[in-house]
Every structure is written in structure tokens, then in C-alpha cells.
Amino acid sequence: MSKKQKKVQNVVYSTNPNFSYEFEQEEAPDTLPVQQQRLYVSIDRKQRAGKEVTLVEGFVGAEEDLKELGKILKSKCGVGGSVKDNEILIQGNFKQKIFDLLINEGYSQTKQKG
């Protein structure tokens, strides 16, 4: 099997010469407008060797938009972080600063947890 061929599960065999298999394409969810996003900002220490990270959860939309928001927050705080599992992780305790930044960016339904 060559590298270019896709592995297809649930293969359908047909004797119809005009049959073509349609690959399922995952649709990227539409990103909600900034005013409708309901984001939650919290501090987390679990499974992080006691180090604090600021979590931003609740984003609804495309992965690229979430990464862009994470990039903005990381640069404004001047620290590292990552975006995974529909969460933005910012290294350090920046809960209030990130909350204020999100409100200024137009995320009016942002709430603080914990």
C-alpha cells in the first residue's frame, strides 16, 4: 500500500461501474461571534507538579480561531502556553489579567471560575 492511499474503513464494494466512494469530511464548527462566546477563566494546579496555569475554557468555534486567541493572550501576558482539547493554557497565574484582556477584546460573557 502506498503512502498516498488513504486507509478507508467501512469499505463498500460495488459492481456498479459508476460508483465512487465518498469520504466523510469533518466540518469545522462555525465560530460564534465574540459577543456570544461564553468563556471561563480559572487557575489549575492539578497534575502540573504544583505549578499554576491559567485555563480559558468554553470556546466554540474553529481550531484556528482558538489558536489565534491563545497566541494573543500569550503575547499580552509575555509567557508561554498551549492550546489543546478546546482549552487555552497560559503558564502562570494571570487570571485577572486574562479576564480583563478578554473583556477588552469584546468577550463580554466571560466569567471567572474558582
PDB file of N, CA and C in Angstrom:
ATOM      1  N   MET A   1       0.856  -1.180   0.000  1.00  0.00           N
ATOM      2  CA  MET A   1       0.000   0.000   0.000  1.00  0.00           C
ATOM      3  C   MET A   1       0.892   1.230   0.000  1.00  0.00           C
ATOM      4  N   SER A   2       0.643   2.124  -0.915  1.00  0.00           N
ATOM      5  CA  SER A   2       1.471   3.322  -0.991  1.00  0.00           C
ATOM      6  C   SER A   2       1.066   4.319   0.085  1.00  0.00           C
ATOM      7  N   LYS A   3       1.957   5.261   0.366  1.00  0.00           N
ATOM      8  CA  LYS A   3       1.710   6.248   1.408  1.00  0.00           C
ATOM      9  C   LYS A   3       0.584   7.202   1.023  1.00  0.00           C
ATOM     10  N   LYS A   4       0.365   7.380  -0.276  1.00  0.00           N
ATOM     11  CA  LYS A   4      -0.631   8.340  -0.727  1.00  0.00           C
ATOM     12  C   LYS A   4      -2.058   7.831  -0.577  1.00  0.00           C
ATOM     13  N   GLN A   5      -2.227   6.512  -0.526  1.00  0.00           N
ATOM     14  CA  GLN A   5      -3.572   5.966  -0.408  1.00  0.00           C
ATOM     15  C   GLN A   5      -4.098   6.173   1.003  1.00  0.00           C
ATOM     16  N   LYS A   6      -5.359   6.532   1.074  1.00  0.00           N
ATOM     17  CA  LYS A   6      -5.983   6.715   2.374  1.00  0.00           C
ATOM     18  C   LYS A   6      -6.510   5.375   2.867  1.00  0.00           C
ATOM     19  N   LYS A   7      -6.390   5.158   4.155  1.00  0.00           N
ATOM     20  CA  LYS A   7      -6.984   3.967   4.736  1.00  0.00           C
ATOM     21  C   LYS A   7      -8.470   4.236   4.904  1.00  0.00           C
ATOM     22  N   VAL A   8      -9.265   3.388   4.311  1.00  0.00           N
ATOM     23  CA  VAL A   8     -10.702   3.589   4.332  1.00  0.00           C
ATOM     24  C   VAL A   8     -11.324   2.503   5.195  1.00  0.00           C
ATOM     25  N   GLN A   9     -12.090   2.924   6.177  1.00  0.00           N
ATOM     26  CA  GLN A   9     -12.827   1.970   6.984  1.00  0.00           C
ATOM     27  C   GLN A   9     -14.227   1.882   6.431  1.00  0.00           C
ATOM     28  N   ASN A  10     -14.894   0.806   6.738  1.00  0.00           N
ATOM     29  CA  ASN A  10     -16.248   0.575   6.245  1.00  0.00           C
ATOM     30  C   ASN A  10     -16.286   0.639   4.721  1.00  0.00           C
ATOM     31  N   VAL A  11     -15.440  -0.142   4.087  1.00  0.00           N
ATOM     32  CA  VAL A  11     -15.327  -0.152   2.639  1.00  0.00           C
ATOM     33  C   VAL A  11     -16.577  -0.784   2.043  1.00  0.00           C
ATOM     34  N   VAL A  12     -17.061  -0.171   0.989  1.00  0.00           N
ATOM     35  CA  VAL A  12     -18.219  -0.689   0.274  1.00  0.00           C
ATOM     36  C   VAL A  12     -17.750  -1.162  -1.088  1.00  0.00           C
ATOM     37  N   TYR A  13     -18.055  -2.414  -1.424  1.00  0.00           N
ATOM     38  CA  TYR A  13     -17.705  -2.947  -2.732  1.00  0.00           C
ATOM     39  C   TYR A  13     -18.961  -2.946  -3.586  1.00  0.00           C
ATOM     40  N   SER A  14     -18.832  -2.478  -4.805  1.00  0.00           N
ATOM     41  CA  SER A  14     -19.988  -2.382  -5.680  1.00  0.00           C
ATOM     42  C   SER A  14     -19.618  -2.878  -7.066  1.00  0.00           C
ATOM     43  N   THR A  15     -20.604  -3.469  -7.726  1.00  0.00           N
ATOM     44  CA  THR A  15     -20.397  -3.890  -9.116  1.00  0.00           C
ATOM     45  C   THR A  15     -20.807  -2.786 -10.083  1.00  0.00           C
ATOM     46  N   ASN A  16     -21.295  -1.692  -9.554  1.00  0.00           N
ATOM     47  CA  ASN A  16     -21.695  -0.552 -10.378  1.00  0.00           C
ATOM     48  C   ASN A  16     -20.443   0.155 -10.895  1.00  0.00           C
ATOM     49  N   PRO A  17     -20.263   0.270 -12.198  1.00  0.00           N
ATOM     50  CA  PRO A  17     -19.044   0.913 -12.722  1.00  0.00           C
ATOM     51  C   PRO A  17     -19.013   2.422 -12.445  1.00  0.00           C
ATOM     52  N   ASN A  18     -20.139   3.027 -12.136  1.00  0.00           N
ATOM     53  CA  ASN A  18     -20.187   4.468 -11.881  1.00  0.00           C
ATOM     54  C   ASN A  18     -20.117   4.799 -10.392  1.00  0.00           C
ATOM     55  N   PHE A  19     -19.919   3.790  -9.548  1.00  0.00           N
ATOM     56  CA  PHE A  19     -19.890   4.014  -8.103  1.00  0.00           C
ATOM     57  C   PHE A  19     -18.581   4.688  -7.708  1.00  0.00           C
ATOM     58  N   SER A  20     -18.683   5.689  -6.875  1.00  0.00           N
ATOM     59  CA  SER A  20     -17.472   6.305  -6.323  1.00  0.00           C
ATOM     60  C   SER A  20     -17.678   6.466  -4.826  1.00  0.00           C
ATOM     61  N   TYR A  21     -16.672   6.116  -4.069  1.00  0.00           N
ATOM     62  CA  TYR A  21     -16.750   6.191  -2.614  1.00  0.00           C
ATOM     63  C   TYR A  21     -16.606   7.643  -2.184  1.00  0.00           C
ATOM     64  N   GLU A  22     -17.479   8.083  -1.302  1.00  0.00           N
ATOM     65  CA  GLU A  22     -17.417   9.442  -0.798  1.00  0.00           C
ATOM     66  C   GLU A  22     -16.788   9.427   0.581  1.00  0.00           C
ATOM     67  N   PHE A  23     -15.695  10.147   0.714  1.00  0.00           N
ATOM     68  CA  PHE A  23     -15.021  10.243   2.005  1.00  0.00           C
ATOM     69  C   PHE A  23     -15.780  11.221   2.882  1.00  0.00           C
ATOM     70  N   GLU A  24     -15.892  10.859   4.156  1.00  0.00           N
ATOM     71  CA  GLU A  24     -16.547  11.759   5.093  1.00  0.00           C
ATOM     72  C   GLU A  24     -15.591  12.893   5.422  1.00  0.00           C
ATOM     73  N   GLN A  25     -16.085  14.092   5.297  1.00  0.00           N
ATOM     74  CA  GLN A  25     -15.255  15.236   5.626  1.00  0.00           C
ATOM     75  C   GLN A  25     -15.803  15.875   6.872  1.00  0.00           C
ATOM     76  N   GLU A  26     -14.915  16.078   7.822  1.00  0.00           N
ATOM     77  CA  GLU A  26     -15.335  16.702   9.062  1.00  0.00           C
ATOM     78  C   GLU A  26     -15.531  18.192   8.819  1.00  0.00           C
ATOM     79  N   GLU A  27     -16.684  18.662   9.203  1.00  0.00           N
ATOM     80  CA  GLU A  27     -16.951  20.078   9.040  1.00  0.00           C
ATOM     81  C   GLU A  27     -16.429  20.826  10.254  1.00  0.00           C
ATOM     82  N   ALA A  28     -15.708  21.894  10.007  1.00  0.00           N
ATOM     83  CA  ALA A  28     -15.229  22.717  11.106  1.00  0.00           C
ATOM     84  C   ALA A  28     -16.417  23.488  11.668  1.00  0.00           C
ATOM     85  N   PRO A  29     -16.576  23.481  12.972  1.00  0.00           N
ATOM     86  CA  PRO A  29     -17.714  24.214  13.536  1.00  0.00           C
ATOM     87  C   PRO A  29     -17.555  25.717  13.290  1.00  0.00           C
ATOM     88  N   ASP A  30     -18.678  26.361  13.043  1.00  0.00           N
ATOM     89  CA  ASP A  30     -18.637  27.804  12.836  1.00  0.00           C
ATOM     90  C   ASP A  30     -18.290  28.490  14.151  1.00  0.00           C
ATOM     91  N   THR A  31     -17.436  29.471  14.076  1.00  0.00           N
ATOM     92  CA  THR A  31     -17.038  30.205  15.263  1.00  0.00           C
ATOM     93  C   THR A  31     -18.132  31.201  15.623  1.00  0.00           C
ATOM     94  N   LEU A  32     -18.554  31.148  16.865  1.00  0.00           N
ATOM     95  CA  LEU A  32     -19.552  32.090  17.340  1.00  0.00           C
ATOM     96  C   LEU A  32     -18.966  33.496  17.349  1.00  0.00           C
ATOM     97  N   PRO A  33     -19.805  34.520  17.182  1.00  0.00           N
ATOM     98  CA  PRO A  33     -19.303  35.887  17.301  1.00  0.00           C
ATOM     99  C   PRO A  33     -18.729  36.140  18.695  1.00  0.00           C
ATOM    100  N   VAL A  34     -17.837  37.093  18.768  1.00  0.00           N
ATOM    101  CA  VAL A  34     -17.125  37.393  20.012  1.00  0.00           C
ATOM    102  C   VAL A  34     -18.093  37.674  21.161  1.00  0.00           C
ATOM    103  N   GLN A  35     -19.180  38.382  20.884  1.00  0.00           N
ATOM    104  CA  GLN A  35     -20.118  38.753  21.946  1.00  0.00           C
ATOM    105  C   GLN A  35     -20.888  37.553  22.478  1.00  0.00           C
ATOM    106  N   GLN A  36     -21.012  36.478  21.692  1.00  0.00           N
ATOM    107  CA  GLN A  36     -21.775  35.312  22.114  1.00  0.00           C
ATOM    108  C   GLN A  36     -20.913  34.234  22.764  1.00  0.00           C
ATOM    109  N   GLN A  37     -19.606  34.376  22.720  1.00  0.00           N
ATOM    110  CA  GLN A  37     -18.722  33.381  23.336  1.00  0.00           C
ATOM    111  C   GLN A  37     -18.859  33.449  24.849  1.00  0.00           C
ATOM    112  N   ARG A  38     -19.021  32.301  25.474  1.00  0.00           N
ATOM    113  CA  ARG A  38     -19.105  32.226  26.929  1.00  0.00           C
ATOM    114  C   ARG A  38     -17.837  31.531  27.423  1.00  0.00           C
ATOM    115  N   LEU A  39     -16.852  32.317  27.828  1.00  0.00           N
ATOM    116  CA  LEU A  39     -15.554  31.792  28.236  1.00  0.00           C
ATOM    117  C   LEU A  39     -15.447  31.786  29.752  1.00  0.00           C
ATOM    118  N   TYR A  40     -14.702  30.811  30.267  1.00  0.00           N
ATOM    119  CA  TYR A  40     -14.467  30.685  31.698  1.00  0.00           C
ATOM    120  C   TYR A  40     -12.966  30.714  31.947  1.00  0.00           C
ATOM    121  N   VAL A  41     -12.538  31.571  32.850  1.00  0.00           N
ATOM    122  CA  VAL A  41     -11.123  31.712  33.189  1.00  0.00           C
ATOM    123  C   VAL A  41     -10.926  31.157  34.590  1.00  0.00           C
ATOM    124  N   SER A  42      -9.942  30.258  34.751  1.00  0.00           N
ATOM    125  CA  SER A  42      -9.687  29.668  36.072  1.00  0.00           C
ATOM    126  C   SER A  42      -8.209  29.333  36.210  1.00  0.00           C
ATOM    127  N   ILE A  43      -7.815  29.027  37.443  1.00  0.00           N
ATOM    128  CA  ILE A  43      -6.447  28.605  37.753  1.00  0.00           C
ATOM    129  C   ILE A  43      -6.469  27.110  38.024  1.00  0.00           C
ATOM    130  N   ASP A  44      -5.454  26.400  37.524  1.00  0.00           N
ATOM    131  CA  ASP A  44      -5.390  24.955  37.714  1.00  0.00           C
ATOM    132  C   ASP A  44      -3.988  24.562  38.157  1.00  0.00           C
ATOM    133  N   ARG A  45      -3.909  23.652  39.119  1.00  0.00           N
ATOM    134  CA  ARG A  45      -2.626  23.132  39.596  1.00  0.00           C
ATOM    135  C   ARG A  45      -2.567  21.608  39.502  1.00  0.00           C
ATOM    136  N   LYS A  46      -3.641  20.977  39.114  1.00  0.00           N
ATOM    137  CA  LYS A  46      -3.717  19.518  39.106  1.00  0.00           C
ATOM    138  C   LYS A  46      -2.806  18.928  38.043  1.00  0.00           C
ATOM    139  N   GLN A  47      -2.079  17.904  38.409  1.00  0.00           N
ATOM    140  CA  GLN A  47      -1.186  17.157  37.523  1.00  0.00           C
ATOM    141  C   GLN A  47      -0.170  18.052  36.830  1.00  0.00           C
ATOM    142  N   ARG A  48       0.277  19.095  37.529  1.00  0.00           N
ATOM    143  CA  ARG A  48       1.246  20.021  36.949  1.00  0.00           C
ATOM    144  C   ARG A  48       2.414  20.271  37.902  1.00  0.00           C
ATOM    145  N   ALA A  49       2.662  19.344  38.789  1.00  0.00           N
ATOM    146  CA  ALA A  49       3.766  19.429  39.750  1.00  0.00           C
ATOM    147  C   ALA A  49       3.687  20.695  40.593  1.00  0.00           C
ATOM    148  N   GLY A  50       2.480  21.129  40.940  1.00  0.00           N
ATOM    149  CA  GLY A  50       2.296  22.285  41.794  1.00  0.00           C
ATOM    150  C   GLY A  50       2.395  23.620  41.090  1.00  0.00           C
ATOM    151  N   LYS A  51       2.703  23.616  39.793  1.00  0.00           N
ATOM    152  CA  LYS A  51       2.819  24.876  39.058  1.00  0.00           C
ATOM    153  C   LYS A  51       1.434  25.312  38.590  1.00  0.00           C
ATOM    154  N   GLU A  52       1.210  26.611  38.606  1.00  0.00           N
ATOM    155  CA  GLU A  52      -0.087  27.142  38.236  1.00  0.00           C
ATOM    156  C   GLU A  52      -0.160  27.439  36.745  1.00  0.00           C
ATOM    157  N   VAL A  53      -1.315  27.159  36.180  1.00  0.00           N
ATOM    158  CA  VAL A  53      -1.617  27.578  34.816  1.00  0.00           C
ATOM    159  C   VAL A  53      -2.994  28.233  34.828  1.00  0.00           C
ATOM    160  N   THR A  54      -3.173  29.167  33.936  1.00  0.00           N
ATOM    161  CA  THR A  54      -4.467  29.815  33.779  1.00  0.00           C
ATOM    162  C   THR A  54      -5.182  29.142  32.613  1.00  0.00           C
ATOM    163  N   LEU A  55      -6.384  28.649  32.860  1.00  0.00           N
ATOM    164  CA  LEU A  55      -7.168  27.957  31.843  1.00  0.00           C
ATOM    165  C   LEU A  55      -8.257  28.874  31.306  1.00  0.00           C
ATOM    166  N   VAL A  56      -8.430  28.862  29.990  1.00  0.00           N
ATOM    167  CA  VAL A  56      -9.551  29.540  29.360  1.00  0.00           C
ATOM    168  C   VAL A  56     -10.348  28.455  28.646  1.00  0.00           C
ATOM    169  N   GLU A  57     -11.582  28.232  29.097  1.00  0.00           N
ATOM    170  CA  GLU A  57     -12.415  27.154  28.570  1.00  0.00           C
ATOM    171  C   GLU A  57     -13.707  27.718  27.999  1.00  0.00           C
ATOM    172  N   GLY A  58     -14.375  26.892  27.191  1.00  0.00           N
ATOM    173  CA  GLY A  58     -15.702  27.242  26.707  1.00  0.00           C
ATOM    174  C   GLY A  58     -15.743  27.844  25.315  1.00  0.00           C
ATOM    175  N   PHE A  59     -14.631  27.895  24.600  1.00  0.00           N
ATOM    176  CA  PHE A  59     -14.609  28.489  23.264  1.00  0.00           C
ATOM    177  C   PHE A  59     -15.350  27.575  22.298  1.00  0.00           C
ATOM    178  N   VAL A  60     -16.236  28.145  21.493  1.00  0.00           N
ATOM    179  CA  VAL A  60     -16.972  27.394  20.481  1.00  0.00           C
ATOM    180  C   VAL A  60     -16.567  27.930  19.118  1.00  0.00           C
ATOM    181  N   GLY A  61     -15.934  27.057  18.328  1.00  0.00           N
ATOM    182  CA  GLY A  61     -15.532  27.504  17.001  1.00  0.00           C
ATOM    183  C   GLY A  61     -14.396  26.693  16.438  1.00  0.00           C
ATOM    184  N   ALA A  62     -13.813  27.205  15.380  1.00  0.00           N
ATOM    185  CA  ALA A  62     -12.740  26.532  14.664  1.00  0.00           C
ATOM    186  C   ALA A  62     -11.446  26.533  15.477  1.00  0.00           C
ATOM    187  N   GLU A  63     -10.665  25.511  15.275  1.00  0.00           N
ATOM    188  CA  GLU A  63      -9.395  25.355  15.985  1.00  0.00           C
ATOM    189  C   GLU A  63      -8.436  26.512  15.678  1.00  0.00           C
ATOM    190  N   GLU A  64      -8.463  27.010  14.443  1.00  0.00           N
ATOM    191  CA  GLU A  64      -7.572  28.105  14.068  1.00  0.00           C
ATOM    192  C   GLU A  64      -7.893  29.381  14.842  1.00  0.00           C
ATOM    193  N   ASP A  65      -9.193  29.634  15.049  1.00  0.00           N
ATOM    194  CA  ASP A  65      -9.596  30.825  15.800  1.00  0.00           C
ATOM    195  C   ASP A  65      -9.188  30.713  17.268  1.00  0.00           C
ATOM    196  N   LEU A  66      -9.290  29.502  17.813  1.00  0.00           N
ATOM    197  CA  LEU A  66      -8.874  29.271  19.199  1.00  0.00           C
ATOM    198  C   LEU A  66      -7.366  29.477  19.335  1.00  0.00           C
ATOM    199  N   LYS A  67      -6.602  28.983  18.377  1.00  0.00           N
ATOM    200  CA  LYS A  67      -5.149  29.166  18.409  1.00  0.00           C
ATOM    201  C   LYS A  67      -4.771  30.637  18.291  1.00  0.00           C
ATOM    202  N   GLU A  68      -5.507  31.375  17.480  1.00  0.00           N
ATOM    203  CA  GLU A  68      -5.242  32.803  17.332  1.00  0.00           C
ATOM    204  C   GLU A  68      -5.495  33.547  18.640  1.00  0.00           C
ATOM    205  N   LEU A  69      -6.595  33.206  19.323  1.00  0.00           N
ATOM    206  CA  LEU A  69      -6.889  33.822  20.615  1.00  0.00           C
ATOM    207  C   LEU A  69      -5.807  33.453  21.637  1.00  0.00           C
ATOM    208  N   GLY A  70      -5.373  32.194  21.627  1.00  0.00           N
ATOM    209  CA  GLY A  70      -4.302  31.768  22.528  1.00  0.00           C
ATOM    210  C   GLY A  70      -3.013  32.525  22.267  1.00  0.00           C
ATOM    211  N   LYS A  71      -2.705  32.757  21.012  1.00  0.00           N
ATOM    212  CA  LYS A  71      -1.492  33.490  20.648  1.00  0.00           C
ATOM    213  C   LYS A  71      -1.555  34.926  21.163  1.00  0.00           C
ATOM    214  N   ILE A  72      -2.728  35.545  21.037  1.00  0.00           N
ATOM    215  CA  ILE A  72      -2.901  36.916  21.529  1.00  0.00           C
ATOM    216  C   ILE A  72      -2.707  36.969  23.037  1.00  0.00           C
ATOM    217  N   LEU A  73      -3.338  36.038  23.756  1.00  0.00           N
ATOM    218  CA  LEU A  73      -3.244  36.044  25.216  1.00  0.00           C
ATOM    219  C   LEU A  73      -1.817  35.774  25.690  1.00  0.00           C
ATOM    220  N   LYS A  74      -1.127  34.839  25.035  1.00  0.00           N
ATOM    221  CA  LYS A  74       0.254  34.546  25.424  1.00  0.00           C
ATOM    222  C   LYS A  74       1.158  35.747  25.202  1.00  0.00           C
ATOM    223  N   SER A  75       0.984  36.431  24.090  1.00  0.00           N
ATOM    224  CA  SER A  75       1.849  37.573  23.814  1.00  0.00           C
ATOM    225  C   SER A  75       1.560  38.744  24.755  1.00  0.00           C
ATOM    226  N   LYS A  76       0.283  38.964  25.108  1.00  0.00           N
ATOM    227  CA  LYS A  76      -0.061  40.050  26.023  1.00  0.00           C
ATOM    228  C   LYS A  76       0.453  39.795  27.433  1.00  0.00           C
ATOM    229  N   CYS A  77       0.495  38.514  27.831  1.00  0.00           N
ATOM    230  CA  CYS A  77       0.991  38.169  29.171  1.00  0.00           C
ATOM    231  C   CYS A  77       2.509  37.980  29.180  1.00  0.00           C
ATOM    232  N   GLY A  78       3.104  37.787  28.020  1.00  0.00           N
ATOM    233  CA  GLY A  78       4.551  37.620  27.940  1.00  0.00           C
ATOM    234  C   GLY A  78       5.033  36.285  28.458  1.00  0.00           C
ATOM    235  N   VAL A  79       4.212  35.245  28.340  1.00  0.00           N
ATOM    236  CA  VAL A  79       4.572  33.916  28.824  1.00  0.00           C
ATOM    237  C   VAL A  79       4.230  32.883  27.761  1.00  0.00           C
ATOM    238  N   GLY A  80       4.576  31.648  28.043  1.00  0.00           N
ATOM    239  CA  GLY A  80       4.263  30.546  27.146  1.00  0.00           C
ATOM    240  C   GLY A  80       2.924  29.944  27.475  1.00  0.00           C
ATOM    241  N   GLY A  81       2.542  28.997  26.661  1.00  0.00           N
ATOM    242  CA  GLY A  81       1.283  28.310  26.875  1.00  0.00           C
ATOM    243  C   GLY A  81       1.005  27.403  25.699  1.00  0.00           C
ATOM    244  N   SER A  82      -0.190  26.819  25.691  1.00  0.00           N
ATOM    245  CA  SER A  82      -0.565  25.936  24.596  1.00  0.00           C
ATOM    246  C   SER A  82      -2.070  25.947  24.429  1.00  0.00           C
ATOM    247  N   VAL A  83      -2.489  25.383  23.294  1.00  0.00           N
ATOM    248  CA  VAL A  83      -3.908  25.243  23.001  1.00  0.00           C
ATOM    249  C   VAL A  83      -4.145  23.780  22.689  1.00  0.00           C
ATOM    250  N   LYS A  84      -4.957  23.117  23.512  1.00  0.00           N
ATOM    251  CA  LYS A  84      -5.308  21.728  23.251  1.00  0.00           C
ATOM    252  C   LYS A  84      -6.609  21.385  23.962  1.00  0.00           C
ATOM    253  N   ASP A  85      -7.320  20.425  23.411  1.00  0.00           N
ATOM    254  CA  ASP A  85      -8.592  19.962  23.967  1.00  0.00           C
ATOM    255  C   ASP A  85      -9.575  21.110  24.165  1.00  0.00           C
ATOM    256  N   ASN A  86      -9.628  22.032  23.225  1.00  0.00           N
ATOM    257  CA  ASN A  86     -10.512  23.204  23.289  1.00  0.00           C
ATOM    258  C   ASN A  86     -10.289  24.041  24.535  1.00  0.00           C
ATOM    259  N   GLU A  87      -9.063  24.076  25.019  1.00  0.00           N
ATOM    260  CA  GLU A  87      -8.684  24.906  26.166  1.00  0.00           C
ATOM    261  C   GLU A  87      -7.423  25.675  25.809  1.00  0.00           C
ATOM    262  N   ILE A  88      -7.312  26.854  26.375  1.00  0.00           N
ATOM    263  CA  ILE A  88      -6.081  27.630  26.260  1.00  0.00           C
ATOM    264  C   ILE A  88      -5.395  27.560  27.610  1.00  0.00           C
ATOM    265  N   LEU A  89      -4.142  27.103  27.634  1.00  0.00           N
ATOM    266  CA  LEU A  89      -3.357  27.014  28.855  1.00  0.00           C
ATOM    267  C   LEU A  89      -2.286  28.099  28.808  1.00  0.00           C
ATOM    268  N   ILE A  90      -2.292  28.979  29.795  1.00  0.00           N
ATOM    269  CA  ILE A  90      -1.287  30.034  29.901  1.00  0.00           C
ATOM    270  C   ILE A  90      -0.463  29.755  31.150  1.00  0.00           C
ATOM    271  N   GLN A  91       0.846  29.708  31.017  1.00  0.00           N
ATOM    272  CA  GLN A  91       1.702  29.393  32.156  1.00  0.00           C
ATOM    273  C   GLN A  91       1.687  30.530  33.157  1.00  0.00           C
ATOM    274  N   GLY A  92       1.400  30.199  34.409  1.00  0.00           N
ATOM    275  CA  GLY A  92       1.414  31.198  35.473  1.00  0.00           C
ATOM    276  C   GLY A  92       0.008  31.610  35.883  1.00  0.00           C
ATOM    277  N   ASN A  93      -0.044  32.425  36.933  1.00  0.00           N
ATOM    278  CA  ASN A  93      -1.312  32.893  37.473  1.00  0.00           C
ATOM    279  C   ASN A  93      -1.633  34.270  36.879  1.00  0.00           C
ATOM    280  N   PHE A  94      -2.380  34.288  35.788  1.00  0.00           N
ATOM    281  CA  PHE A  94      -2.765  35.517  35.105  1.00  0.00           C
ATOM    282  C   PHE A  94      -4.275  35.615  34.993  1.00  0.00           C
ATOM    283  N   LYS A  95      -4.980  35.087  35.977  1.00  0.00           N
ATOM    284  CA  LYS A  95      -6.434  35.010  35.910  1.00  0.00           C
ATOM    285  C   LYS A  95      -7.083  36.373  35.706  1.00  0.00           C
ATOM    286  N   GLN A  96      -6.738  37.345  36.529  1.00  0.00           N
ATOM    287  CA  GLN A  96      -7.363  38.661  36.437  1.00  0.00           C
ATOM    288  C   GLN A  96      -6.948  39.391  35.165  1.00  0.00           C
ATOM    289  N   LYS A  97      -5.682  39.280  34.796  1.00  0.00           N
ATOM    290  CA  LYS A  97      -5.187  39.962  33.600  1.00  0.00           C
ATOM    291  C   LYS A  97      -5.858  39.405  32.347  1.00  0.00           C
ATOM    292  N   ILE A  98      -5.982  38.085  32.256  1.00  0.00           N
ATOM    293  CA  ILE A  98      -6.617  37.468  31.099  1.00  0.00           C
ATOM    294  C   ILE A  98      -8.105  37.801  31.065  1.00  0.00           C
ATOM    295  N   PHE A  99      -8.737  37.822  32.226  1.00  0.00           N
ATOM    296  CA  PHE A  99     -10.147  38.205  32.303  1.00  0.00           C
ATOM    297  C   PHE A  99     -10.340  39.618  31.749  1.00  0.00           C
ATOM    298  N   ASP A 100      -9.499  40.540  32.182  1.00  0.00           N
ATOM    299  CA  ASP A 100      -9.593  41.923  31.706  1.00  0.00           C
ATOM    300  C   ASP A 100      -9.303  42.026  30.199  1.00  0.00           C
ATOM    301  N   LEU A 101      -8.310  41.266  29.720  1.00  0.00           N
ATOM    302  CA  LEU A 101      -7.985  41.275  28.293  1.00  0.00           C
ATOM    303  C   LEU A 101      -9.157  40.762  27.453  1.00  0.00           C
ATOM    304  N   LEU A 102      -9.795  39.689  27.916  1.00  0.00           N
ATOM    305  CA  LEU A 102     -10.924  39.135  27.172  1.00  0.00           C
ATOM    306  C   LEU A 102     -12.101  40.109  27.129  1.00  0.00           C
ATOM    307  N   ILE A 103     -12.359  40.789  28.249  1.00  0.00           N
ATOM    308  CA  ILE A 103     -13.434  41.787  28.269  1.00  0.00           C
ATOM    309  C   ILE A 103     -13.113  42.913  27.293  1.00  0.00           C
ATOM    310  N   ASN A 104     -11.861  43.367  27.269  1.00  0.00           N
ATOM    311  CA  ASN A 104     -11.457  44.441  26.357  1.00  0.00           C
ATOM    312  C   ASN A 104     -11.510  44.016  24.892  1.00  0.00           C
ATOM    313  N   GLU A 105     -11.310  42.712  24.627  1.00  0.00           N
ATOM    314  CA  GLU A 105     -11.370  42.193  23.255  1.00  0.00           C
ATOM    315  C   GLU A 105     -12.810  42.019  22.782  1.00  0.00           C
ATOM    316  N   GLY A 106     -13.791  42.158  23.689  1.00  0.00           N
ATOM    317  CA  GLY A 106     -15.183  42.054  23.292  1.00  0.00           C
ATOM    318  C   GLY A 106     -15.893  40.798  23.767  1.00  0.00           C
ATOM    319  N   TYR A 107     -15.190  39.934  24.487  1.00  0.00           N
ATOM    320  CA  TYR A 107     -15.792  38.712  25.024  1.00  0.00           C
ATOM    321  C   TYR A 107     -16.555  39.093  26.303  1.00  0.00           C
ATOM    322  N   SER A 108     -17.747  39.644  26.121  1.00  0.00           N
ATOM    323  CA  SER A 108     -18.484  40.235  27.254  1.00  0.00           C
ATOM    324  C   SER A 108     -19.085  39.207  28.196  1.00  0.00           C
ATOM    325  N   GLN A 109     -19.241  37.953  27.764  1.00  0.00           N
ATOM    326  CA  GLN A 109     -19.832  36.928  28.627  1.00  0.00           C
ATOM    327  C   GLN A 109     -18.771  36.109  29.348  1.00  0.00           C
ATOM    328  N   THR A 110     -17.579  36.623  29.497  1.00  0.00           N
ATOM    329  CA  THR A 110     -16.504  35.923  30.184  1.00  0.00           C
ATOM    330  C   THR A 110     -16.766  35.904  31.696  1.00  0.00           C
ATOM    331  N   LYS A 111     -16.510  34.757  32.305  1.00  0.00           N
ATOM    332  CA  LYS A 111     -16.714  34.603  33.742  1.00  0.00           C
ATOM    333  C   LYS A 111     -15.453  33.989  34.377  1.00  0.00           C
ATOM    334  N   GLN A 112     -15.263  34.275  35.661  1.00  0.00           N
ATOM    335  CA  GLN A 112     -14.152  33.685  36.412  1.00  0.00           C
ATOM    336  C   GLN A 112     -14.673  32.515  37.225  1.00  0.00           C
ATOM    337  N   LYS A 113     -13.959  31.393  37.172  1.00  0.00           N
ATOM    338  CA  LYS A 113     -14.316  30.214  37.955  1.00  0.00           C
ATOM    339  C   LYS A 113     -13.324  30.078  39.099  1.00  0.00           C
ATOM    340  N   GLY A 114     -13.823  29.590  40.205  1.00  0.00           N
ATOM    341  CA  GLY A 114     -12.967  29.240  41.335  1.00  0.00           C
ATOM    342  C   GLY A 114     -12.278  30.318  41.997  1.00  0.00           C
TER     343      GLY A 114
END
